[in-house]
Each structure stands twice: as C-alpha cells, then as structure tokens.
Protein backbone atom coordinates (compact mmCIF):
# COMPACT_ATOMS: atom_id res chain seq x y z
CA UNK A 1 0.00 0.00 0.00
CA UNK A 2 1.34 3.41 -0.92
CA UNK A 3 1.72 6.16 1.70
CA UNK A 4 -0.84 8.25 -0.20
CA UNK A 5 -3.43 5.47 -0.11
CA UNK A 6 -2.77 4.82 3.58
CA UNK A 7 -3.14 8.54 4.33
CA UNK A 8 -6.49 8.61 2.46
CA UNK A 9 -7.75 5.58 4.44
CA UNK A 10 -6.72 7.18 7.71
CA UNK A 11 -8.24 10.56 6.88
CA UNK A 12 -11.57 8.96 5.89
CA UNK A 13 -11.72 7.02 9.17
CA UNK A 14 -10.69 10.09 11.21
CA UNK A 15 -13.45 12.13 9.56
CA UNK A 16 -16.08 9.51 10.46
CA UNK A 17 -14.77 9.34 14.03
CA UNK A 18 -15.05 13.12 14.29
CA UNK A 19 -18.62 12.93 12.92
CA UNK A 20 -19.53 10.31 15.53
CA UNK A 21 -18.02 12.42 18.33
CA UNK A 22 -20.18 15.36 17.19
CA UNK A 23 -23.21 13.02 17.08
CA UNK A 24 -22.63 11.96 20.69
CA UNK A 25 -22.45 15.64 21.72
CA UNK A 26 -25.62 16.29 19.65
CA UNK A 27 -23.65 18.99 17.84
CA UNK A 28 -25.59 19.22 14.58
CA UNK A 29 -23.62 22.29 13.46
CA UNK A 30 -20.33 20.40 13.62
CA UNK A 31 -21.84 17.25 12.08
CA UNK A 32 -23.02 19.26 9.10
CA UNK A 33 -19.66 21.01 8.71
CA UNK A 34 -18.31 17.54 7.94
CA UNK A 35 -20.92 16.84 5.23
CA UNK A 36 -21.01 18.08 1.65
CA UNK A 37 -23.72 20.42 0.33
CA UNK A 38 -25.19 17.59 -1.77
CA UNK A 39 -24.94 14.98 1.00
CA UNK A 40 -27.25 11.97 1.20
CA UNK A 41 -28.40 10.34 4.42
CA UNK A 42 -30.39 7.12 4.36
CA UNK A 43 -32.13 6.56 7.69
CA UNK A 44 -33.11 3.14 9.06
CA UNK A 45 -36.82 3.96 9.45
CA UNK A 46 -39.51 3.38 8.46
CA UNK A 47 -38.93 -0.31 7.92
CA UNK A 48 -38.06 -1.97 5.60
CA UNK A 49 -36.38 0.64 3.38
CA UNK A 50 -35.88 3.73 5.51
CA UNK A 51 -36.06 7.31 4.31
CA UNK A 52 -33.53 9.12 2.12
CA UNK A 53 -32.68 12.75 2.90
CA UNK A 54 -30.81 14.68 0.22
CA UNK A 55 -28.96 17.96 0.63
CA UNK A 56 -27.57 19.74 3.64
CA UNK A 57 -30.82 21.49 4.54
CA UNK A 58 -32.88 18.27 4.65
CA UNK A 59 -30.19 16.33 6.52
CA UNK A 60 -29.72 19.16 9.04
CA UNK A 61 -33.45 19.25 9.75
CA UNK A 62 -33.50 15.48 10.21
CA UNK A 63 -30.75 15.66 12.86
CA UNK A 64 -32.37 18.58 14.67
CA UNK A 65 -35.66 16.67 14.88
CA UNK A 66 -33.88 13.44 15.79
CA UNK A 67 -32.04 14.90 18.79
CA UNK A 68 -35.17 16.75 19.91
CA UNK A 69 -37.04 13.43 19.98
CA UNK A 70 -34.11 11.39 21.34
CA UNK A 71 -32.20 13.66 23.76
CA UNK A 72 -30.17 10.76 25.21
CA UNK A 73 -29.04 9.31 21.87
CA UNK A 74 -25.53 7.83 21.87
CA UNK A 75 -23.61 5.71 19.39
CA UNK A 76 -20.89 3.39 20.61
CA UNK A 77 -18.53 2.26 17.86
CA UNK A 78 -18.01 -1.51 17.87
CA UNK A 79 -15.67 -1.55 14.87
CA UNK A 80 -14.58 0.86 12.16
CA UNK A 81 -12.41 0.51 9.07
CA UNK A 82 -11.64 2.47 5.93
CA UNK A 83 -11.83 1.22 2.34
CA UNK A 84 -10.52 3.99 0.11
CA UNK A 85 -13.20 6.67 -0.09
CA UNK A 86 -15.55 4.54 2.04
CA UNK A 87 -15.65 3.87 5.76
CA UNK A 88 -17.64 1.13 7.45
CA UNK A 89 -18.73 1.61 11.06
CA UNK A 90 -20.44 -1.07 13.17
CA UNK A 91 -22.30 0.54 16.04
CA UNK A 92 -24.63 0.21 19.00
CA UNK A 93 -27.21 3.00 19.25
CA UNK A 94 -28.59 3.55 22.77
CA UNK A 95 -31.44 5.75 23.98
CA UNK A 96 -33.81 6.29 26.87
CA UNK A 97 -37.56 6.70 26.29
CA UNK A 98 -39.78 9.23 28.05
CA UNK A 99 -40.56 6.70 30.81
CA UNK A 100 -36.85 6.24 31.57
CA UNK A 101 -36.58 2.82 29.90
CA UNK A 102 -33.28 2.16 28.16
CA UNK A 103 -33.10 0.58 24.72
CA UNK A 104 -30.58 -0.14 22.01
CA UNK A 105 -30.14 -1.51 18.51
CA UNK A 106 -27.04 -2.56 16.63
CA UNK A 107 -26.27 -1.67 13.06
CA UNK A 108 -23.81 -0.49 10.47
CA UNK A 109 -23.18 2.74 8.57
CA UNK A 110 -21.52 2.94 5.20
CA UNK A 111 -19.94 6.36 4.67
CA UNK A 112 -18.66 7.77 1.40
CA UNK A 113 -16.13 10.61 1.55
CA UNK A 114 -15.05 12.95 -1.22
CA UNK A 115 -12.82 16.02 -1.02
CA UNK A 116 -12.59 15.72 2.76
CA UNK A 117 -16.36 15.71 3.36
CA UNK A 118 -18.96 13.03 3.96
CA UNK A 119 -21.13 12.75 0.86
CA UNK A 120 -23.18 9.69 1.89
CA UNK A 121 -24.19 8.06 5.15
CA UNK A 122 -26.20 4.90 4.61
CA UNK A 123 -27.52 3.34 7.84
CA UNK A 124 -28.69 -0.23 8.38
CA UNK A 125 -30.00 -1.83 11.57
CA UNK A 126 -30.32 -5.40 12.86
CA UNK A 127 -33.78 -6.73 13.60
C-alpha cells in the first residue's frame, strides 16, 4: 500500500470518528460542517427501506428533529475501518424513552467521503 493510499484511508476514518463524536455531543452544526452540500443520508426507518434525505438542509433538519425526539441518543462504535473513499462503522445505538426505559439496537453505517467531506451516510440496523 502506498503512503498516499494509507493517508487517504486514515483521513476517511478520522473524519467519520469526528462525525460520531459530534453526534454523541448532539452537535448538529459540527456534524453538518463535515458533510457536503449535496450529502445523502439514508435513515433506518420506516422499515423496511428507511427514508432518504438529500442535501444539507434536509439532513440538518432530520438531525435537529432526531435529537429533539431522542435527547439521550448515543452511538458506541463496535468496529470501524476504511476502504478507500468509504468507511464502514459497526455501532450500538442507545437511547432512553420518556418513561426512563433504556433501549438499544445494533447496526452499520456505510460512509462515502469525497474532497474531505462526507457525501453519503447509509444506515442499516439489525432486527
């Protein structure tokens, strides 16, 4: 592997790690600074195909609504690895409902990065 390719793999993974850190702080502004203007986010709901949000405005609004409705949302990374301009992240998403009951699901995100920004975040969940 060339040093340039290794650097690209590392920078893609670092970008996704930074995005996840911003997610866990519920920092939508920082999350969106890491996404391109024409970004695509594919959510896991409604089942079975989820919803696709296209463009920074639509994705920003999704995250604002999401954190409003899930103020305890956290994603724990179980594994992460880069594949060129893609990064795969296995995760455990945890929340607490309005009655104080904890829940979680496990899943995977497939990120696509171009020019130092996330252009796609495709999310899939188990069960």
